[in-house]
Amino acid sequence: MKTVFVTVGTTSFDDLIVNITSSEVVKALLDLGYTDVVLQVGRGSVAPDPRSCPGLRVEAFSFKESISDNIQLADLVISHAGAGSCLEALGAGKPLLVVVNDKLMDNHQLELAKQLQAESHLLYCTCSTLLQTLRNMDLSTLVPFLPGQPQNFANFLDKAVGLV
C-alpha cells in the first residue's frame, strides 16, 4: 500500500481536487506505484467520485480535528501552499509537493513555496503543471526540514514573504 494524502487546509481549492482525480494524474500516480489517495477537500464544492479514479482507493473528507494521522500514514503529501499545512508535512518528515493556487491575488504562498523548494525541502507546481511535475519528480533529492525550531520557521517565513 502506497498512499498520497492531498490537503487544501481550511480553504476551497477545487481546481486541485479536480486535477488530482483527472484520468491523466490518476495514471501518473498509478505509474508511481500509489494505491490509495486520501483527499481533504476543505470548503470546496467538488465531491470526488471514487469511480473516476480506477485502480486507486479513494477516500475524501472535508474537515477533521487533526490531519496528523493522515500525514503520518502518507508516502507523499500533496498540499496547498498554506504555511500551516506545509510546516506540518515537513515537520513529519514527509515528501511534500505543494500546489500553488495561482488564482489567488497577492500570492505570498508562491513566495513560501519558491523559498522552500530553493532549499530542497519540497517541490512545488501549479494545477497546470501538476501532471508534468508528478512525472518528473525525484523525491530522493529532498532535504529534511528540521522540526522543533519555530523561531527559525518564523524568520524563514518573514524572509520568504519579504518582511525582512
Protein backbone atom coordinates (compact mmCIF):
# COMPACT_ATOMS: atom_id res chain seq x y z
CA MET A 1 0.00 0.00 0.00
CA LYS A 2 1.38 3.39 -1.02
CA THR A 3 -0.68 6.44 -0.08
CA VAL A 4 -0.96 10.02 -1.30
CA PHE A 5 -2.59 12.47 1.10
CA VAL A 6 -3.96 15.63 -0.51
CA THR A 7 -4.90 18.60 1.68
CA VAL A 8 -6.35 22.00 0.90
CA GLY A 9 -6.46 23.06 4.56
CA THR A 10 -9.42 25.20 5.55
CA THR A 11 -9.68 26.75 2.09
CA SER A 12 -11.51 25.89 -1.09
CA PHE A 13 -9.19 24.68 -3.85
CA ASP A 14 -11.48 22.74 -6.17
CA ASP A 15 -9.00 23.01 -9.07
CA LEU A 16 -6.54 20.86 -7.12
CA ILE A 17 -9.14 18.20 -6.32
CA VAL A 18 -10.34 18.13 -9.94
CA ASN A 19 -6.73 17.80 -11.18
CA ILE A 20 -5.80 15.05 -8.71
CA THR A 21 -8.79 12.96 -9.81
CA SER A 22 -8.28 13.55 -13.54
CA SER A 23 -7.55 10.44 -15.59
CA GLU A 24 -4.05 11.66 -16.52
CA VAL A 25 -3.00 12.33 -12.92
CA VAL A 26 -4.58 9.08 -11.72
CA LYS A 27 -2.50 7.24 -14.33
CA ALA A 28 0.66 9.09 -13.25
CA LEU A 29 0.01 8.17 -9.59
CA LEU A 30 -0.56 4.53 -10.54
CA ASP A 31 2.65 4.57 -12.61
CA LEU A 32 4.48 5.81 -9.49
CA GLY A 33 3.10 2.86 -7.51
CA TYR A 34 0.48 4.66 -5.44
CA THR A 35 -2.56 2.61 -4.47
CA ASP A 36 -4.53 4.97 -2.22
CA VAL A 37 -5.48 8.64 -2.32
CA VAL A 38 -6.94 10.43 0.68
CA LEU A 39 -8.44 13.83 -0.15
CA GLN A 40 -9.11 16.56 2.40
CA VAL A 41 -11.32 18.87 0.35
CA GLY A 42 -11.90 21.68 2.89
CA ARG A 43 -14.59 24.17 1.93
CA GLY A 44 -14.57 23.02 -1.68
CA SER A 45 -17.69 22.15 -3.60
CA VAL A 46 -16.19 19.26 -5.59
CA ALA A 47 -17.16 15.85 -4.25
CA PRO A 48 -14.73 13.43 -5.90
CA ASP A 49 -16.26 10.29 -7.34
CA PRO A 50 -14.04 7.32 -6.44
CA ARG A 51 -15.21 5.63 -9.66
CA SER A 52 -13.41 8.36 -11.62
CA CYS A 53 -10.10 7.00 -10.28
CA PRO A 54 -9.98 3.37 -11.48
CA GLY A 55 -7.14 1.47 -9.82
CA LEU A 56 -6.89 3.79 -6.82
CA ARG A 57 -8.70 3.50 -3.50
CA VAL A 58 -10.10 6.98 -2.82
CA GLU A 59 -11.29 8.43 0.45
CA ALA A 60 -12.48 12.03 0.84
CA PHE A 61 -13.49 14.23 3.75
CA SER A 62 -13.99 17.95 4.36
CA PHE A 63 -12.51 18.51 7.81
CA LYS A 64 -11.36 16.62 10.87
CA GLU A 65 -9.94 17.76 14.17
CA SER A 66 -6.45 16.73 13.10
CA ILE A 67 -4.90 15.53 9.85
CA SER A 68 -1.65 14.47 11.51
CA ASP A 69 -2.58 10.77 11.26
CA ASN A 70 -3.25 11.18 7.54
CA ILE A 71 0.12 12.87 7.11
CA GLN A 72 1.91 10.18 9.14
CA LEU A 73 0.38 7.40 7.02
CA ALA A 74 1.15 9.11 3.70
CA ASP A 75 4.07 8.26 1.45
CA LEU A 76 3.57 11.60 -0.33
CA VAL A 77 1.72 14.72 0.77
CA ILE A 78 0.28 17.00 -1.89
CA SER A 79 -0.79 20.26 -0.30
CA HIS A 80 -1.97 23.76 -0.99
CA ALA A 81 0.74 26.29 -0.10
CA GLY A 82 -0.59 27.32 3.31
CA ALA A 83 2.22 27.73 5.84
CA GLY A 84 0.49 25.55 8.45
CA SER A 85 -0.06 22.63 6.08
CA CYS A 86 3.49 22.89 4.73
CA LEU A 87 5.03 23.03 8.18
CA GLU A 88 3.00 20.05 9.43
CA ALA A 89 4.01 17.85 6.47
CA LEU A 90 7.65 18.94 6.56
CA GLY A 91 7.77 18.52 10.34
CA ALA A 92 6.55 14.94 9.91
CA GLY A 93 9.41 14.30 7.50
CA LYS A 94 7.13 13.53 4.58
CA PRO A 95 7.92 14.22 0.93
CA LEU A 96 5.87 17.28 0.03
CA LEU A 97 4.56 18.52 -3.29
CA VAL A 98 2.96 21.94 -2.91
CA VAL A 99 0.41 23.06 -5.48
CA VAL A 100 0.21 26.84 -5.52
CA ASN A 101 -3.19 28.31 -6.27
CA ASP A 102 -2.22 30.76 -9.00
CA LYS A 103 -5.72 32.27 -8.96
CA LEU A 104 -5.03 33.97 -5.62
CA MET A 105 -4.13 37.64 -5.71
CA ASP A 106 -1.10 38.86 -3.73
CA ASN A 107 0.16 35.31 -3.58
CA HIS A 108 2.53 35.07 -0.60
CA GLN A 109 2.07 31.30 -0.86
CA LEU A 110 4.13 31.28 -4.05
CA GLU A 111 7.00 33.04 -2.25
CA LEU A 112 6.92 30.45 0.55
CA ALA A 113 6.86 27.54 -1.91
CA LYS A 114 9.68 29.03 -4.01
CA GLN A 115 11.89 29.54 -0.97
CA LEU A 116 11.28 26.04 0.43
CA GLN A 117 11.93 24.49 -2.99
CA ALA A 118 15.11 26.55 -3.38
CA GLU A 119 16.29 24.96 -0.14
CA SER A 120 15.25 21.49 -1.44
CA HIS A 121 12.65 20.90 1.28
CA LEU A 122 9.75 20.41 -1.15
CA LEU A 123 8.69 20.54 -4.77
CA TYR A 124 6.07 22.96 -5.97
CA CYS A 125 3.92 23.41 -9.04
CA THR A 126 0.56 24.82 -10.11
CA CYS A 127 -2.50 22.87 -11.18
CA SER A 128 -1.47 23.31 -14.81
CA THR A 129 1.99 21.80 -14.17
CA LEU A 130 0.94 19.11 -11.65
CA LEU A 131 0.93 16.23 -14.13
CA GLN A 132 4.38 17.06 -15.52
CA THR A 133 5.76 17.56 -12.01
CA LEU A 134 4.50 14.14 -10.91
CA ARG A 135 6.02 12.51 -13.99
CA ASN A 136 9.42 14.20 -13.48
CA MET A 137 9.78 14.44 -9.69
CA ASP A 138 12.64 12.81 -7.82
CA LEU A 139 11.69 12.74 -4.16
CA SER A 140 15.13 11.42 -3.22
CA THR A 141 16.57 14.91 -3.79
CA LEU A 142 14.52 16.44 -0.97
CA VAL A 143 16.29 17.55 2.21
CA PRO A 144 14.55 17.19 5.61
CA PHE A 145 13.25 20.37 7.20
CA LEU A 146 14.30 20.20 10.83
CA PRO A 147 11.22 20.49 13.07
CA GLY A 148 11.09 21.95 16.53
CA GLN A 149 12.55 25.34 15.69
CA PRO A 150 9.50 27.62 15.44
CA GLN A 151 11.57 30.83 15.57
CA ASN A 152 13.67 29.65 12.64
CA PHE A 153 10.48 28.96 10.69
CA ALA A 154 9.04 32.36 11.64
CA ASN A 155 12.25 34.06 10.47
CA PHE A 156 12.19 31.98 7.29
CA LEU A 157 8.56 32.92 6.66
CA ASP A 158 9.29 36.61 7.19
CA LYS A 159 12.13 36.36 4.66
CA ALA A 160 10.02 34.41 2.17
CA VAL A 161 7.20 36.94 2.16
CA GLY A 162 9.56 39.92 2.09
CA LEU A 163 9.12 41.29 5.61
CA VAL A 164 12.87 41.40 6.29
